């Protein structure tokens, strides 16, 4: 039975976005000012269901809960620049399996998983990303501290007893294929109203894309959008994953994607001007001094993937739940 990428890659997926080029937003849903501080409750859970060595379906869950903080340093031409960080991270990892020459079955190491998770929490807490937030919600990540991924995850690798060869493969996979390289453009943390690029590179073949959102409701400065997750263009294109345990690489194919929930609520803070003389109403206009920001983002989808490596084959379900809720400035009660 194949064992794929390290358990830690699932955690990195919790932080990862992909570099998508998108069309312009129908309206500037993100308006910030110098000195703004935005805090969000961030939770992302990835549950993998697949058969074990005996064909029994099992689940492995990786989760990250934290406070996402965006600090705005300055704003020019509608683009806000600042620093992104995660505070109070709480990491959940599946049990690490230890293979002993004296045992017939892998031995789950629950305490080892907790130790690695605790080390990851420390690594996430000290990391900083510099960004440019565009009015459509795309985040251009132009810097990271620590700069090198190896330095960022050094203590995690020591806690997990990663082999040097495995670490090199994992770092390459993360930097090149999971969207955490710098510079990059993230369109996953926040909802971007523009269409996603359907002609992404082969490295995007396993990443379900968000569809262009549709307006569900609008009124009193609130805008609700709905969206789905879709397989990328050229669905069914195999993606090669470097094997950590054998000489044969693993070929993965995204077979289908189903969406249970895709919803976002924005506070557009639109101010209505008084009717003009003669009783003619003036169209609603955004207040240039107002802010506009995401209130909540709720997402639930499942992707089915098929893997092959030599004569071995495996089918896997990946269930992703993602929730973002603004804590500060507080969400207004306007509907």
Protein backbone atom coordinates (compact mmCIF):
# COMPACT_ATOMS: atom_id res chain seq x y z
CA UNK A 1 0.00 0.00 0.00
CA UNK A 2 1.33 3.42 -0.93
CA UNK A 3 2.10 6.02 1.67
CA UNK A 4 2.12 9.43 0.09
CA UNK A 5 3.52 12.79 1.19
CA UNK A 6 4.32 13.43 4.87
CA UNK A 7 1.44 14.22 7.21
CA UNK A 8 2.86 17.72 7.59
CA UNK A 9 2.10 18.59 3.95
CA UNK A 10 -1.61 18.58 4.87
CA UNK A 11 -0.91 21.27 7.46
CA UNK A 12 0.98 23.32 4.91
CA UNK A 13 -2.10 23.04 2.67
CA UNK A 14 -3.98 24.80 5.47
CA UNK A 15 -1.75 27.82 4.91
CA UNK A 16 -1.21 27.43 1.18
CA UNK A 17 -2.84 29.34 -1.62
CA UNK A 18 -2.29 29.12 -5.34
CA UNK A 19 -1.11 31.83 -7.70
CA UNK A 20 -4.15 32.59 -9.84
CA UNK A 21 -4.57 35.47 -12.25
CA UNK A 22 -8.14 36.77 -12.11
CA UNK A 23 -10.43 39.24 -13.80
CA UNK A 24 -11.17 42.55 -12.10
CA UNK A 25 -13.71 42.48 -9.29
CA UNK A 26 -17.18 43.85 -10.08
CA UNK A 27 -16.69 46.36 -7.27
CA UNK A 28 -13.94 47.11 -4.71
CA UNK A 29 -15.03 44.79 -1.90
CA UNK A 30 -11.79 45.40 0.02
CA UNK A 31 -11.08 49.00 1.05
CA UNK A 32 -8.61 49.69 3.84
CA UNK A 33 -6.87 52.67 5.39
CA UNK A 34 -3.42 53.18 6.86
CA UNK A 35 -3.21 51.87 10.40
CA UNK A 36 -6.14 49.43 10.10
CA UNK A 37 -5.85 46.16 12.02
CA UNK A 38 -8.06 43.25 10.96
CA UNK A 39 -8.45 40.12 13.06
CA UNK A 40 -10.19 36.98 11.82
CA UNK A 41 -11.06 33.66 13.43
CA UNK A 42 -9.40 31.19 11.04
CA UNK A 43 -10.16 27.46 10.96
CA UNK A 44 -9.29 24.93 8.30
CA UNK A 45 -9.71 21.17 8.54
CA UNK A 46 -8.60 18.56 6.01
CA UNK A 47 -9.93 15.03 6.50
CA UNK A 48 -8.53 12.25 4.32
CA UNK A 49 -10.45 8.99 3.88
CA UNK A 50 -8.61 6.08 2.26
CA UNK A 51 -8.10 2.34 2.73
CA UNK A 52 -5.25 1.08 4.89
CA UNK A 53 -2.96 -1.87 4.17
CA UNK A 54 -5.85 -4.26 4.89
CA UNK A 55 -8.39 -2.41 2.78
CA UNK A 56 -10.21 -0.91 5.79
CA UNK A 57 -11.32 2.69 5.23
CA UNK A 58 -9.76 5.04 7.78
CA UNK A 59 -9.70 8.77 8.40
CA UNK A 60 -6.78 11.08 9.06
CA UNK A 61 -7.51 14.65 10.11
CA UNK A 62 -5.21 17.67 9.98
CA UNK A 63 -6.51 20.98 11.34
CA UNK A 64 -5.31 24.49 11.99
CA UNK A 65 -7.21 27.02 14.11
CA UNK A 66 -5.74 30.46 14.71
CA UNK A 67 -6.31 34.20 14.75
CA UNK A 68 -5.40 35.62 11.36
CA UNK A 69 -4.12 39.20 11.65
CA UNK A 70 -3.70 41.72 8.83
CA UNK A 71 -1.85 44.90 9.81
CA UNK A 72 -2.14 47.68 7.20
CA UNK A 73 0.93 49.94 6.99
CA UNK A 74 -0.08 52.15 4.07
CA UNK A 75 -2.55 52.40 1.17
CA UNK A 76 -1.90 53.74 -2.32
CA UNK A 77 -4.25 53.64 -5.34
CA UNK A 78 -6.57 51.25 -3.51
CA UNK A 79 -3.82 48.70 -2.74
CA UNK A 80 -3.08 48.13 0.94
CA UNK A 81 0.34 46.96 2.10
CA UNK A 82 1.10 45.37 5.43
CA UNK A 83 2.00 42.28 7.41
CA UNK A 84 0.13 38.98 7.79
CA UNK A 85 0.58 36.69 10.77
CA UNK A 86 -1.19 33.97 12.76
CA UNK A 87 -1.67 34.28 16.52
CA UNK A 88 -2.63 31.56 19.03
CA UNK A 89 -2.33 28.70 16.50
CA UNK A 90 -3.74 25.30 17.48
CA UNK A 91 -2.62 22.38 15.34
CA UNK A 92 -4.15 18.90 15.18
CA UNK A 93 -2.26 16.13 13.42
CA UNK A 94 -3.13 12.47 12.82
CA UNK A 95 -1.04 9.94 14.76
CA UNK A 96 2.43 9.41 13.38
CA UNK A 97 3.02 5.76 12.44
CA UNK A 98 6.37 4.29 13.47
CA UNK A 99 7.62 1.28 11.53
CA UNK A 100 9.59 -1.14 13.68
CA UNK A 101 11.52 -4.16 12.40
CA UNK A 102 10.14 -6.20 15.31
CA UNK A 103 6.46 -5.41 14.62
CA UNK A 104 4.11 -6.66 11.91
CA UNK A 105 1.99 -3.50 11.94
CA UNK A 106 2.90 0.21 12.12
CA UNK A 107 2.69 1.56 15.65
CA UNK A 108 0.78 4.87 16.07
CA UNK A 109 2.77 7.40 18.09
CA UNK A 110 0.16 9.74 19.56
CA UNK A 111 2.59 11.57 21.84
CA UNK A 112 4.99 12.12 18.95
CA UNK A 113 2.15 13.72 16.94
CA UNK A 114 1.42 16.06 19.82
CA UNK A 115 5.08 17.03 20.11
CA UNK A 116 5.31 17.79 16.38
CA UNK A 117 2.04 19.74 16.47
CA UNK A 118 3.32 21.84 19.40
CA UNK A 119 6.53 22.58 17.49
CA UNK A 120 4.52 23.56 14.41
CA UNK A 121 2.45 25.95 16.50
CA UNK A 122 5.63 27.71 17.54
CA UNK A 123 6.87 27.90 13.95
CA UNK A 124 3.58 29.33 12.69
CA UNK A 125 3.42 31.91 15.47
CA UNK A 126 6.81 33.45 14.67
CA UNK A 127 6.32 33.55 10.88
CA UNK A 128 5.50 36.86 9.16
CA UNK A 129 4.43 37.55 5.58
CA UNK A 130 4.51 40.97 3.92
CA UNK A 131 1.69 41.51 1.44
CA UNK A 132 -0.12 43.85 -0.92
CA UNK A 133 -3.92 43.49 -0.67
CA UNK A 134 -5.66 44.48 -3.90
CA UNK A 135 -9.29 45.69 -4.04
CA UNK A 136 -10.38 42.31 -5.48
CA UNK A 137 -9.06 40.42 -2.42
CA UNK A 138 -5.94 38.94 -3.97
CA UNK A 139 -2.91 38.98 -1.67
CA UNK A 140 0.47 39.48 -3.32
CA UNK A 141 2.94 37.85 -0.91
CA UNK A 142 6.27 39.59 -1.45
CA UNK A 143 8.23 38.57 1.65
CA UNK A 144 8.46 35.99 4.42
CA UNK A 145 10.29 35.82 7.74
CA UNK A 146 12.07 33.44 8.21
CA UNK A 147 12.98 33.80 4.55
CA UNK A 148 14.01 30.17 3.97
CA UNK A 149 11.50 27.39 4.46
CA UNK A 150 14.29 25.16 5.80
CA UNK A 151 14.92 27.63 8.63
CA UNK A 152 11.20 27.97 9.33
CA UNK A 153 10.63 24.22 9.70
CA UNK A 154 14.02 23.15 11.05
CA UNK A 155 12.75 22.49 14.59
CA UNK A 156 9.68 20.72 13.19
CA UNK A 157 11.88 18.40 11.16
CA UNK A 158 13.95 17.60 14.24
CA UNK A 159 10.81 16.89 16.31
CA UNK A 160 9.42 14.63 13.59
CA UNK A 161 12.74 12.88 12.99
CA UNK A 162 12.44 13.59 9.27
CA UNK A 163 15.12 12.14 7.06
CA UNK A 164 17.20 14.68 5.17
CA UNK A 165 16.14 13.28 1.78
CA UNK A 166 12.46 13.45 2.76
CA UNK A 167 12.87 17.03 3.98
CA UNK A 168 14.44 18.12 0.70
CA UNK A 169 11.58 16.58 -1.31
CA UNK A 170 8.93 18.07 0.99
CA UNK A 171 10.46 21.57 0.87
CA UNK A 172 10.66 21.44 -2.93
CA UNK A 173 7.05 20.30 -3.15
CA UNK A 174 5.87 23.04 -0.80
CA UNK A 175 7.78 25.86 -2.47
CA UNK A 176 7.09 24.89 -6.09
CA UNK A 177 3.64 23.29 -6.04
CA UNK A 178 1.70 24.38 -2.96
CA UNK A 179 1.84 28.12 -3.51
CA UNK A 180 3.99 29.11 -0.52
CA UNK A 181 6.93 30.37 -2.52
CA UNK A 182 7.79 34.06 -2.36
CA UNK A 183 6.76 36.05 -4.30
CA UNK A 184 3.34 34.59 -5.07
CA UNK A 185 -0.31 35.64 -5.32
CA UNK A 186 -2.77 34.12 -2.85
CA UNK A 187 -6.46 34.00 -3.85
CA UNK A 188 -7.48 31.46 -1.19
CA UNK A 189 -7.35 33.20 2.19
CA UNK A 190 -9.91 35.81 1.12
CA UNK A 191 -12.65 35.45 -1.48
CA UNK A 192 -11.77 37.10 -4.79
CA UNK A 193 -14.81 38.01 -6.92
CA UNK A 194 -12.87 37.75 -10.20
CA UNK A 195 -12.85 34.55 -12.25
CA UNK A 196 -10.00 32.16 -11.57
CA UNK A 197 -7.57 31.47 -14.36
CA UNK A 198 -8.64 28.26 -16.10
CA UNK A 199 -5.24 27.90 -17.77
CA UNK A 200 -3.06 27.37 -14.75
CA UNK A 201 0.17 25.40 -14.78
CA UNK A 202 0.25 21.62 -14.42
CA UNK A 203 1.13 22.10 -10.76
CA UNK A 204 -2.47 23.32 -10.24
CA UNK A 205 -3.98 20.04 -11.52
CA UNK A 206 -4.92 18.78 -8.03
CA UNK A 207 -6.26 22.07 -6.67
CA UNK A 208 -10.04 22.64 -6.95
CA UNK A 209 -10.63 26.23 -8.00
CA UNK A 210 -13.34 28.57 -6.78
CA UNK A 211 -15.91 29.48 -9.39
CA UNK A 212 -16.79 33.09 -10.14
CA UNK A 213 -19.17 34.01 -7.27
CA UNK A 214 -22.79 34.99 -7.82
CA UNK A 215 -24.78 37.55 -5.85
CA UNK A 216 -27.21 35.87 -3.43
CA UNK A 217 -28.47 39.02 -1.70
CA UNK A 218 -27.65 42.69 -1.33
CA UNK A 219 -28.92 45.41 0.98
CA UNK A 220 -28.07 47.91 3.73
CA UNK A 221 -24.36 47.74 3.06
CA UNK A 222 -24.22 43.94 3.12
CA UNK A 223 -23.45 41.71 0.14
CA UNK A 224 -23.76 37.91 0.16
CA UNK A 225 -22.03 35.87 -2.52
CA UNK A 226 -22.22 32.17 -3.36
CA UNK A 227 -19.63 30.02 -5.13
CA UNK A 228 -18.52 26.43 -5.78
CA UNK A 229 -15.28 24.52 -6.07
CA UNK A 230 -14.50 23.22 -9.56
CA UNK A 231 -11.90 20.92 -11.04
CA UNK A 232 -9.26 22.96 -12.92
CA UNK A 233 -9.14 23.09 -16.70
CA UNK A 234 -7.78 19.89 -18.20
CA UNK A 235 -9.30 17.82 -15.39
CA UNK A 236 -7.92 14.32 -15.25
CA UNK A 237 -4.38 15.45 -16.04
CA UNK A 238 -1.98 13.37 -13.91
CA UNK A 239 0.26 15.17 -11.46
CA UNK A 240 3.51 13.53 -10.37
CA UNK A 241 4.33 13.46 -6.65
CA UNK A 242 7.90 12.51 -5.69
CA UNK A 243 7.86 9.26 -3.70
CA UNK A 244 9.44 9.31 -0.25
CA UNK A 245 9.66 5.55 0.20
CA UNK A 246 10.41 4.01 -3.20
CA UNK A 247 12.03 4.73 -6.55
CA UNK A 248 8.64 4.92 -8.30
CA UNK A 249 6.95 8.30 -8.34
CA UNK A 250 3.25 8.58 -7.49
CA UNK A 251 0.83 9.79 -10.18
CA UNK A 252 -2.28 11.53 -8.86
CA UNK A 253 -5.44 12.50 -10.73
CA UNK A 254 -8.26 14.73 -9.48
CA UNK A 255 -11.40 12.85 -10.50
CA UNK A 256 -14.24 15.06 -9.23
CA UNK A 257 -15.18 17.81 -6.77
CA UNK A 258 -18.46 18.30 -4.91
CA UNK A 259 -19.39 21.45 -2.97
CA UNK A 260 -21.58 21.31 0.14
CA UNK A 261 -21.21 25.00 1.02
CA UNK A 262 -19.67 28.10 -0.51
CA UNK A 263 -20.81 31.42 0.96
CA UNK A 264 -19.29 34.80 1.81
CA UNK A 265 -20.76 37.95 3.37
CA UNK A 266 -19.16 41.36 2.81
CA UNK A 267 -19.72 44.66 4.59
CA UNK A 268 -19.49 47.15 1.73
CA UNK A 269 -20.36 50.15 3.95
CA UNK A 270 -22.08 51.98 1.10
CA UNK A 271 -23.44 55.41 2.05
CA UNK A 272 -26.69 56.60 0.38
CA UNK A 273 -26.79 60.27 -0.52
CA UNK A 274 -29.89 62.38 -0.07
CA UNK A 275 -32.15 62.69 -3.15
CA UNK A 276 -31.17 65.53 -5.46
CA UNK A 277 -33.39 68.56 -6.01
CA UNK A 278 -36.52 67.72 -7.98
CA UNK A 279 -36.94 64.38 -6.21
CA UNK A 280 -34.49 62.45 -8.42
CA UNK A 281 -32.62 59.82 -6.45
CA UNK A 282 -28.87 59.66 -6.66
CA UNK A 283 -27.41 56.21 -7.25
CA UNK A 284 -25.66 54.68 -4.23
CA UNK A 285 -22.01 55.70 -4.14
CA UNK A 286 -19.22 54.27 -1.96
CA UNK A 287 -17.92 56.64 0.66
CA UNK A 288 -14.21 57.10 -0.24
CA UNK A 289 -13.38 57.29 3.48
CA UNK A 290 -15.24 54.11 4.40
CA UNK A 291 -13.87 50.62 4.73
CA UNK A 292 -15.08 47.50 2.96
CA UNK A 293 -14.12 44.06 4.22
CA UNK A 294 -15.17 40.44 4.43
CA UNK A 295 -17.48 39.56 7.33
CA UNK A 296 -17.52 35.77 6.99
CA UNK A 297 -16.37 33.08 4.58
CA UNK A 298 -17.69 29.50 4.88
CA UNK A 299 -16.60 26.66 2.65
CA UNK A 300 -17.14 22.88 2.61
CA UNK A 301 -16.13 20.66 -0.30
CA UNK A 302 -14.85 17.16 -1.10
CA UNK A 303 -12.39 16.12 -3.78
CA UNK A 304 -11.86 12.55 -4.98
CA UNK A 305 -8.37 11.61 -6.13
CA UNK A 306 -6.89 8.46 -7.65
CA UNK A 307 -3.23 7.50 -7.16
CA UNK A 308 -1.04 4.99 -8.96
CA UNK A 309 2.56 3.93 -8.32
CA UNK A 310 3.80 1.01 -10.35
CA UNK A 311 1.23 -1.77 -9.86
CA UNK A 312 -0.30 -0.14 -6.77
CA UNK A 313 -3.47 1.96 -6.87
CA UNK A 314 -5.34 3.97 -4.26
CA UNK A 315 -8.52 6.06 -4.19
CA UNK A 316 -8.78 8.88 -1.68
CA UNK A 317 -11.40 11.38 -0.54
CA UNK A 318 -10.20 14.76 0.71
CA UNK A 319 -12.81 16.72 2.67
CA UNK A 320 -11.97 20.38 3.31
CA UNK A 321 -13.78 22.79 5.65
CA UNK A 322 -12.67 26.41 5.79
CA UNK A 323 -14.17 29.19 7.91
CA UNK A 324 -13.13 32.81 8.31
CA UNK A 325 -14.97 35.22 10.64
CA UNK A 326 -13.96 38.82 11.28
CA UNK A 327 -13.43 39.66 14.94
CA UNK A 328 -12.10 43.20 14.61
CA UNK A 329 -13.39 45.60 13.58
CA UNK A 330 -16.54 43.83 14.81
CA UNK A 331 -19.20 42.72 12.33
CA UNK A 332 -22.08 45.18 12.19
CA UNK A 333 -25.65 43.94 12.63
CA UNK A 334 -26.92 45.60 9.47
CA UNK A 335 -28.72 43.21 7.11
